[in-house]
Amino acid sequence: MDATVSEFIRRTVLKIPRDEIKVMLQKWGFLSEAQLQTLNFHQLKDNISQEVVQLCEENSAGIKQAAVLDIIYNHIYQDKRIWSVYQMKKTGEELECFDITDFKKKFKRRIRSALKNVTITFKEYEDNAIWIRVAWGTPYKKPNQYKPSYVVYHSQTPYVFISASVLKSNMPLLCQALIVASNYHDIREMELRSHCLNSLKDIVFKRYSQNFQTYTTKPLQGGNIEPENADIRIVQENRGEKERIYRLNQEAFGSGPQPKLEFAHYRLETMFKSDPKMDVLDKKEPFRCLVKFSSPHLLESLKSLAPAGMADAPLSPLLTCIPHKARNYFKIREKKGLFPENFVSP
């Protein structure tokens, strides 16, 4: 086994928490159950990694087998990477039968026609997701296995989730390979990014609850302890206001948990309006500014503003429709008159 492969397997094993090494190696499936029984998982992780490498040498592991282990690790620890959403487009609306073998063949052929020093590995998962790992090299250097690009593609959908490597110059080639392999003709970044891959999927696949049109107000529980001498009219007014905020919040965000986004920013561009007679502005140039929001869980933070008394209800649609605008960003850019180009990136 090549020394580069040995070192890569060793480092991959070292990344795995001790309690999960055995389970992850079982999911890998490269080592037999008998070989796994010989491993002592209670010793130092460095010693475990060395023993795993020795077993892999017995099985003559190659870089593709090592890459599969890395895919399994990244599939479990998805939040260690930053994911971006890309949307592809076809000329027509016709549906085609998806052939995974044909997809892999076209994808590899397109990349290797431009770059020979590259390692491409695929792994399929139960939810129709195809995980693709691409380790990039150069015409004169072998692929760097420690800075790969990851692609998650759900077959027969126009959405692709990409965690790019440091080498951004490879993105055009990666995008070309995707549209060729999946029979699309265009691809655009939706400028929707997060560490939480599942939340991005919830947004583009509409798997979260938001903007329910019919809603029955529920009485608020707790927090309604009234002083003995409180004016009944003030008590009723406060209770009514809390119920109004609760109802508007539910209508705007829905009753379920929100997709986990960490930041959003708007690029605002607007013209000042003033009395023509006053002629305040000498030049008719738009006013531009950038507004940024960040939080460990942005949408849940926005949802809590009104109940906490930190903002009026209902919140501005610019904030409550972040997931919806992000999902439709591709369409917005094509139809310039639909929305002003305020929205840039949640």
Protein backbone atom coordinates (compact mmCIF):
# COMPACT_ATOMS: atom_id res chain seq x y z
CA MET A 1 0.00 0.00 0.00
CA ASP A 2 1.26 3.44 -0.93
CA ALA A 3 2.66 5.56 1.93
CA THR A 4 0.35 8.42 0.94
CA VAL A 5 -2.69 6.15 1.31
CA SER A 6 -1.46 4.83 4.68
CA GLU A 7 -1.03 8.34 6.06
CA PHE A 8 -4.41 9.46 4.76
CA ILE A 9 -6.19 6.49 6.39
CA ARG A 10 -4.33 7.13 9.65
CA ARG A 11 -5.34 10.80 9.73
CA THR A 12 -8.94 9.97 8.87
CA VAL A 13 -9.17 7.51 11.75
CA LEU A 14 -7.67 10.10 14.11
CA LYS A 15 -10.49 12.52 13.24
CA ILE A 16 -13.14 10.06 14.38
CA PRO A 17 -14.22 10.18 18.06
CA ARG A 18 -12.94 7.10 19.88
CA ASP A 19 -16.44 5.78 20.72
CA GLU A 20 -17.45 5.89 17.05
CA ILE A 21 -14.38 4.37 15.38
CA LYS A 22 -15.70 0.80 15.40
CA VAL A 23 -19.14 1.76 14.08
CA MET A 24 -17.65 3.88 11.32
CA LEU A 25 -15.25 1.14 10.26
CA GLN A 26 -18.20 -1.25 10.12
CA LYS A 27 -20.06 1.18 7.87
CA TRP A 28 -16.95 1.40 5.72
CA GLY A 29 -17.10 -2.36 5.16
CA PHE A 30 -13.54 -2.64 3.88
CA LEU A 31 -12.28 -4.60 6.88
CA SER A 32 -13.86 -7.93 7.75
CA GLU A 33 -15.61 -8.52 11.06
CA ALA A 34 -12.81 -10.88 12.03
CA GLN A 35 -10.23 -8.15 11.43
CA LEU A 36 -12.27 -5.65 13.46
CA GLN A 37 -12.34 -8.11 16.36
CA THR A 38 -8.55 -7.94 16.56
CA LEU A 39 -8.58 -4.18 17.18
CA ASN A 40 -8.33 -2.80 20.72
CA PHE A 41 -10.59 0.27 20.73
CA HIS A 42 -9.69 1.17 24.34
CA GLN A 43 -6.10 2.19 23.63
CA LEU A 44 -4.77 5.53 22.43
CA LYS A 45 -6.29 6.71 19.17
CA ASP A 46 -2.86 6.93 17.57
CA ASN A 47 -2.30 3.23 18.30
CA ILE A 48 -5.76 2.38 16.93
CA SER A 49 -5.01 4.27 13.73
CA GLN A 50 -1.71 2.40 13.30
CA GLU A 51 -3.45 -0.96 13.72
CA VAL A 52 -6.15 0.02 11.20
CA VAL A 53 -3.44 0.96 8.69
CA GLN A 54 -1.77 -2.44 9.16
CA LEU A 55 -5.05 -4.23 8.46
CA CYS A 56 -5.62 -2.06 5.41
CA GLU A 57 -2.17 -3.01 4.14
CA GLU A 58 -3.16 -6.67 4.42
CA ASN A 59 -6.19 -5.90 2.25
CA SER A 60 -4.14 -3.78 -0.20
CA ALA A 61 -6.23 -0.68 0.27
CA GLY A 62 -6.03 1.99 -2.40
CA ILE A 63 -6.85 5.68 -2.40
CA LYS A 64 -10.43 5.04 -3.53
CA GLN A 65 -11.11 2.82 -0.53
CA ALA A 66 -9.57 5.45 1.75
CA ALA A 67 -11.71 8.14 0.09
CA VAL A 68 -14.88 6.16 0.86
CA LEU A 69 -13.97 6.21 4.57
CA ASP A 70 -13.55 9.97 4.33
CA ILE A 71 -16.99 10.29 2.68
CA ILE A 72 -18.56 8.29 5.53
CA TYR A 73 -16.92 10.59 8.07
CA ASN A 74 -18.11 13.75 6.29
CA HIS A 75 -21.60 12.33 5.85
CA ILE A 76 -21.88 11.88 9.62
CA TYR A 77 -20.15 15.17 10.48
CA GLN A 78 -21.68 17.35 7.79
CA ASP A 79 -21.60 20.49 9.93
CA LYS A 80 -17.81 20.62 9.83
CA ARG A 81 -18.02 21.94 6.28
CA ILE A 82 -19.68 25.01 4.74
CA TRP A 83 -22.25 24.04 2.12
CA SER A 84 -23.50 26.13 -0.78
CA VAL A 85 -26.62 25.47 -2.84
CA TYR A 86 -26.59 25.46 -6.62
CA GLN A 87 -29.64 25.20 -8.86
CA MET A 88 -29.54 23.70 -12.34
CA LYS A 89 -31.94 24.39 -15.19
CA LYS A 90 -33.15 22.57 -18.29
CA THR A 91 -34.46 24.02 -21.53
CA GLY A 92 -37.69 22.03 -21.21
CA GLU A 93 -39.73 20.47 -18.42
CA GLU A 94 -39.42 16.91 -19.68
CA LEU A 95 -38.54 14.24 -17.15
CA GLU A 96 -35.80 11.75 -17.86
CA CYS A 97 -35.04 8.40 -16.31
CA PHE A 98 -31.98 8.78 -14.11
CA ASP A 99 -29.17 6.28 -14.66
CA ILE A 100 -26.57 6.38 -11.88
CA THR A 101 -24.01 4.45 -13.95
CA ASP A 102 -24.34 6.90 -16.83
CA PHE A 103 -24.15 9.84 -14.42
CA LYS A 104 -20.86 8.61 -12.91
CA LYS A 105 -19.35 7.88 -16.30
CA LYS A 106 -20.17 11.33 -17.73
CA PHE A 107 -19.04 13.12 -14.58
CA LYS A 108 -15.63 11.43 -14.51
CA ARG A 109 -15.12 11.77 -18.25
CA ARG A 110 -15.79 15.52 -18.22
CA ILE A 111 -13.40 16.26 -15.35
CA ARG A 112 -10.62 13.96 -16.54
CA SER A 113 -10.79 15.40 -20.04
CA ALA A 114 -9.46 18.64 -18.52
CA LEU A 115 -7.42 17.33 -15.58
CA LYS A 116 -5.78 13.91 -15.28
CA ASN A 117 -4.46 14.21 -11.72
CA VAL A 118 -7.77 13.93 -9.88
CA THR A 119 -9.42 11.37 -7.58
CA ILE A 120 -13.21 10.98 -7.96
CA THR A 121 -15.18 8.82 -5.52
CA PHE A 122 -18.92 8.18 -5.31
CA LYS A 123 -21.14 6.82 -2.56
CA GLU A 124 -24.90 6.42 -2.71
CA TYR A 125 -27.23 6.83 0.27
CA GLU A 126 -30.79 5.71 0.93
CA ASP A 127 -32.42 9.13 0.41
CA ASN A 128 -31.42 9.18 -3.30
CA ALA A 129 -28.41 11.31 -2.41
CA ILE A 130 -25.20 10.76 -4.33
CA TRP A 131 -22.12 11.92 -2.46
CA ILE A 132 -19.20 12.81 -4.69
CA ARG A 133 -15.70 13.46 -3.40
CA VAL A 134 -13.21 15.14 -5.73
CA ALA A 135 -9.57 15.50 -4.71
CA TRP A 136 -7.83 17.92 -7.06
CA GLY A 137 -4.30 17.86 -8.36
CA THR A 138 -2.48 19.87 -11.01
CA PRO A 139 -0.86 18.82 -14.29
CA TYR A 140 2.36 18.30 -12.30
CA LYS A 141 1.14 17.28 -8.82
CA LYS A 142 -0.87 14.40 -7.43
CA PRO A 143 -4.33 15.09 -5.95
CA ASN A 144 -4.37 16.72 -2.53
CA GLN A 145 -6.52 14.33 -0.47
CA TYR A 146 -6.78 16.79 2.42
CA LYS A 147 -8.57 19.56 0.51
CA PRO A 148 -11.27 17.84 -1.53
CA SER A 149 -14.54 19.20 -2.89
CA TYR A 150 -17.73 17.52 -1.78
CA VAL A 151 -20.89 17.38 -3.88
CA VAL A 152 -24.28 16.07 -2.72
CA TYR A 153 -26.74 15.56 -5.56
CA HIS A 154 -30.29 14.28 -5.17
CA SER A 155 -31.19 12.50 -8.38
CA GLN A 156 -33.96 13.98 -10.53
CA THR A 157 -33.88 17.31 -8.69
CA PRO A 158 -32.23 20.52 -9.93
CA TYR A 159 -30.43 21.13 -6.62
CA VAL A 160 -26.79 20.44 -5.84
CA PHE A 161 -25.06 21.04 -2.51
CA ILE A 162 -21.35 21.77 -2.77
CA SER A 163 -18.64 22.15 -0.16
CA ALA A 164 -15.77 23.48 -2.20
CA SER A 165 -12.08 23.04 -1.58
CA VAL A 166 -9.68 25.93 -1.18
CA LEU A 167 -8.96 25.74 -4.92
CA LYS A 168 -11.91 27.82 -6.16
CA SER A 169 -10.42 27.81 -9.64
CA ASN A 170 -11.74 24.25 -10.00
CA MET A 171 -15.38 25.26 -9.47
CA PRO A 172 -16.16 25.98 -13.17
CA LEU A 173 -14.93 22.51 -14.14
CA LEU A 174 -16.91 20.91 -11.32
CA CYS A 175 -20.09 22.74 -12.37
CA GLN A 176 -19.59 21.77 -16.02
CA ALA A 177 -19.24 18.12 -15.03
CA LEU A 178 -22.48 18.30 -13.00
CA ILE A 179 -24.63 19.76 -15.76
CA VAL A 180 -23.20 17.36 -18.36
CA ALA A 181 -23.72 14.30 -16.14
CA SER A 182 -27.25 15.28 -15.08
CA ASN A 183 -28.37 16.51 -18.55
CA TYR A 184 -28.97 20.13 -17.55
CA HIS A 185 -27.77 23.14 -19.49
CA ASP A 186 -27.15 25.81 -16.82
CA ILE A 187 -26.19 26.06 -13.16
CA ARG A 188 -26.26 29.04 -10.79
CA GLU A 189 -25.27 29.53 -7.18
CA MET A 190 -28.31 30.41 -5.07
CA GLU A 191 -26.07 32.23 -2.58
CA LEU A 192 -27.52 30.10 0.18
CA ARG A 193 -24.88 28.79 2.58
CA SER A 194 -24.77 27.05 5.94
CA HIS A 195 -22.87 24.49 7.99
CA CYS A 196 -26.17 22.60 8.38
CA LEU A 197 -26.70 20.62 5.17
CA ASN A 198 -30.06 19.24 6.31
CA SER A 199 -31.44 22.75 6.86
CA LEU A 200 -30.45 23.74 3.32
CA LYS A 201 -32.28 20.66 2.06
CA ASP A 202 -35.32 21.59 4.16
CA ILE A 203 -35.42 24.99 2.47
CA VAL A 204 -35.04 23.98 -1.17
CA PHE A 205 -37.20 20.86 -0.82
CA LYS A 206 -39.84 22.76 1.22
CA ARG A 207 -39.60 20.37 4.14
CA TYR A 208 -40.28 22.95 6.86
CA SER A 209 -43.47 24.65 8.04
CA GLN A 210 -43.85 28.34 7.27
CA ASN A 211 -46.62 30.81 6.46
CA PHE A 212 -49.69 28.81 7.41
CA GLN A 213 -52.71 30.70 6.09
CA THR A 214 -55.21 29.12 8.48
CA TYR A 215 -54.40 29.25 12.13
CA THR A 216 -56.48 28.94 15.28
CA THR A 217 -55.26 31.03 18.15
CA LYS A 218 -54.29 28.98 21.19
CA PRO A 219 -54.36 30.43 24.68
CA LEU A 220 -50.94 31.25 26.01
CA GLN A 221 -49.63 29.01 28.77
CA GLY A 222 -47.75 30.47 31.72
CA GLY A 223 -46.47 33.98 32.20
CA ASN A 224 -49.98 35.27 32.99
CA ILE A 225 -49.78 35.64 36.76
CA GLU A 226 -51.82 38.75 37.52
CA PRO A 227 -51.26 41.06 40.50
CA GLU A 228 -54.15 41.14 42.96
CA ASN A 229 -54.87 44.83 42.40
CA ALA A 230 -54.29 44.83 38.63
CA ASP A 231 -56.73 46.75 36.46
CA ILE A 232 -58.78 44.12 34.61
CA ARG A 233 -58.73 46.23 31.43
CA ILE A 234 -54.91 46.39 31.41
CA VAL A 235 -54.70 42.64 32.07
CA GLN A 236 -57.05 41.89 29.17
CA GLU A 237 -55.15 44.28 26.88
CA ASN A 238 -51.80 42.66 27.72
CA ARG A 239 -53.20 39.18 27.22
CA GLY A 240 -54.73 40.18 23.90
CA GLU A 241 -51.46 41.72 22.73
CA LYS A 242 -49.51 38.58 23.65
CA GLU A 243 -52.00 36.41 21.77
CA ARG A 244 -51.82 38.73 18.75
CA ILE A 245 -48.01 38.50 18.70
CA TYR A 246 -48.17 34.74 19.13
CA ARG A 247 -50.64 34.40 16.25
CA LEU A 248 -48.67 36.65 13.87
CA ASN A 249 -45.44 34.86 14.74
CA GLN A 250 -46.99 31.48 13.98
CA GLU A 251 -48.40 32.75 10.68
CA ALA A 252 -45.00 34.10 9.66
CA PHE A 253 -42.76 31.25 10.79
CA GLY A 254 -45.06 28.27 11.24
CA SER A 255 -45.29 25.98 14.25
CA GLY A 256 -42.35 23.68 13.47
CA PRO A 257 -38.62 24.15 14.01
CA GLN A 258 -36.86 26.51 11.60
CA PRO A 259 -34.07 25.51 9.20
CA LYS A 260 -30.71 26.32 10.73
CA LEU A 261 -29.11 29.26 8.94
CA GLU A 262 -26.21 31.21 10.40
CA PHE A 263 -26.13 34.43 8.44
CA ALA A 264 -27.96 36.56 5.94
CA HIS A 265 -27.12 39.78 4.23
CA TYR A 266 -29.04 42.19 2.05
CA ARG A 267 -27.54 44.51 -0.50
CA LEU A 268 -29.92 47.45 -0.60
CA GLU A 269 -30.08 49.84 -3.51
CA THR A 270 -32.75 52.53 -3.50
CA MET A 271 -33.34 56.06 -4.80
CA PHE A 272 -34.00 58.98 -2.46
CA LYS A 273 -37.40 60.57 -2.95
CA SER A 274 -37.73 64.29 -2.35
CA ASP A 275 -39.74 67.27 -3.54
CA PRO A 276 -38.49 68.17 -7.05
CA LYS A 277 -38.67 71.85 -6.11
CA MET A 278 -36.23 71.36 -3.25
CA ASP A 279 -33.68 69.62 -5.49
CA VAL A 280 -31.82 68.15 -2.52
CA LEU A 281 -29.84 65.68 -4.59
CA ASP A 282 -27.52 67.01 -7.26
CA LYS A 283 -26.91 63.58 -8.74
CA LYS A 284 -29.62 60.99 -9.28
CA GLU A 285 -27.53 58.10 -7.96
CA PRO A 286 -28.97 55.30 -5.86
CA PHE A 287 -28.12 54.90 -2.20
CA ARG A 288 -26.36 51.60 -1.55
CA CYS A 289 -25.65 49.78 1.70
CA LEU A 290 -25.07 46.28 3.01
CA VAL A 291 -27.03 44.95 6.01
CA LYS A 292 -25.76 41.80 7.70
CA PHE A 293 -27.39 39.45 10.21
CA SER A 294 -25.60 36.61 11.98
CA SER A 295 -26.55 34.14 14.70
CA PRO A 296 -25.88 30.50 15.61
CA HIS A 297 -29.53 29.92 14.58
CA LEU A 298 -30.70 32.97 12.66
CA LEU A 299 -34.33 32.05 11.90
CA GLU A 300 -35.09 30.93 15.45
CA SER A 301 -33.53 34.18 16.68
CA LEU A 302 -35.77 36.22 14.38
CA LYS A 303 -38.77 34.18 15.48
CA SER A 304 -38.09 35.06 19.14
CA LEU A 305 -37.77 38.84 18.63
CA ALA A 306 -41.47 39.77 18.82
CA PRO A 307 -42.40 37.52 21.80
CA ALA A 308 -39.38 38.92 23.67
CA GLY A 309 -40.58 42.48 23.06
CA MET A 310 -37.47 43.36 21.02
CA ALA A 311 -39.40 44.01 17.79
CA ASP A 312 -42.93 44.84 16.69
CA ALA A 313 -45.17 42.14 15.27
CA PRO A 314 -45.41 41.24 12.50
CA LEU A 315 -41.75 41.30 11.49
CA SER A 316 -40.77 42.77 8.15
CA PRO A 317 -41.36 40.36 5.21
CA LEU A 318 -37.69 40.94 4.30
CA LEU A 319 -36.84 38.87 7.40
CA THR A 320 -39.66 36.34 7.58
CA CYS A 321 -39.31 35.25 3.95
CA ILE A 322 -35.55 34.56 3.98
CA PRO A 323 -35.91 30.82 3.21
CA HIS A 324 -38.54 31.45 0.53
CA LYS A 325 -36.48 34.15 -1.19
CA ALA A 326 -33.36 32.03 -1.01
CA ARG A 327 -35.12 29.12 -2.66
CA ASN A 328 -36.45 31.30 -5.47
CA TYR A 329 -33.30 33.38 -5.97
CA PHE A 330 -32.58 31.71 -9.30
CA LYS A 331 -36.03 32.71 -10.60
CA ILE A 332 -35.77 36.19 -9.12
CA ARG A 333 -32.58 36.90 -11.05
CA GLU A 334 -34.18 35.76 -14.31
CA LYS A 335 -37.34 37.82 -13.83
CA LYS A 336 -35.90 41.19 -12.95
CA GLY A 337 -39.30 42.78 -12.43
CA LEU A 338 -40.51 40.27 -9.86
CA PHE A 339 -38.48 41.54 -6.89
CA PRO A 340 -35.90 44.28 -6.47
CA GLU A 341 -32.44 42.79 -6.18
CA ASN A 342 -32.32 43.44 -2.45
CA PHE A 343 -31.71 39.91 -1.40
CA VAL A 344 -28.22 38.52 -1.64
CA SER A 345 -27.58 35.66 0.72
CA PRO A 346 -29.03 33.93 3.74
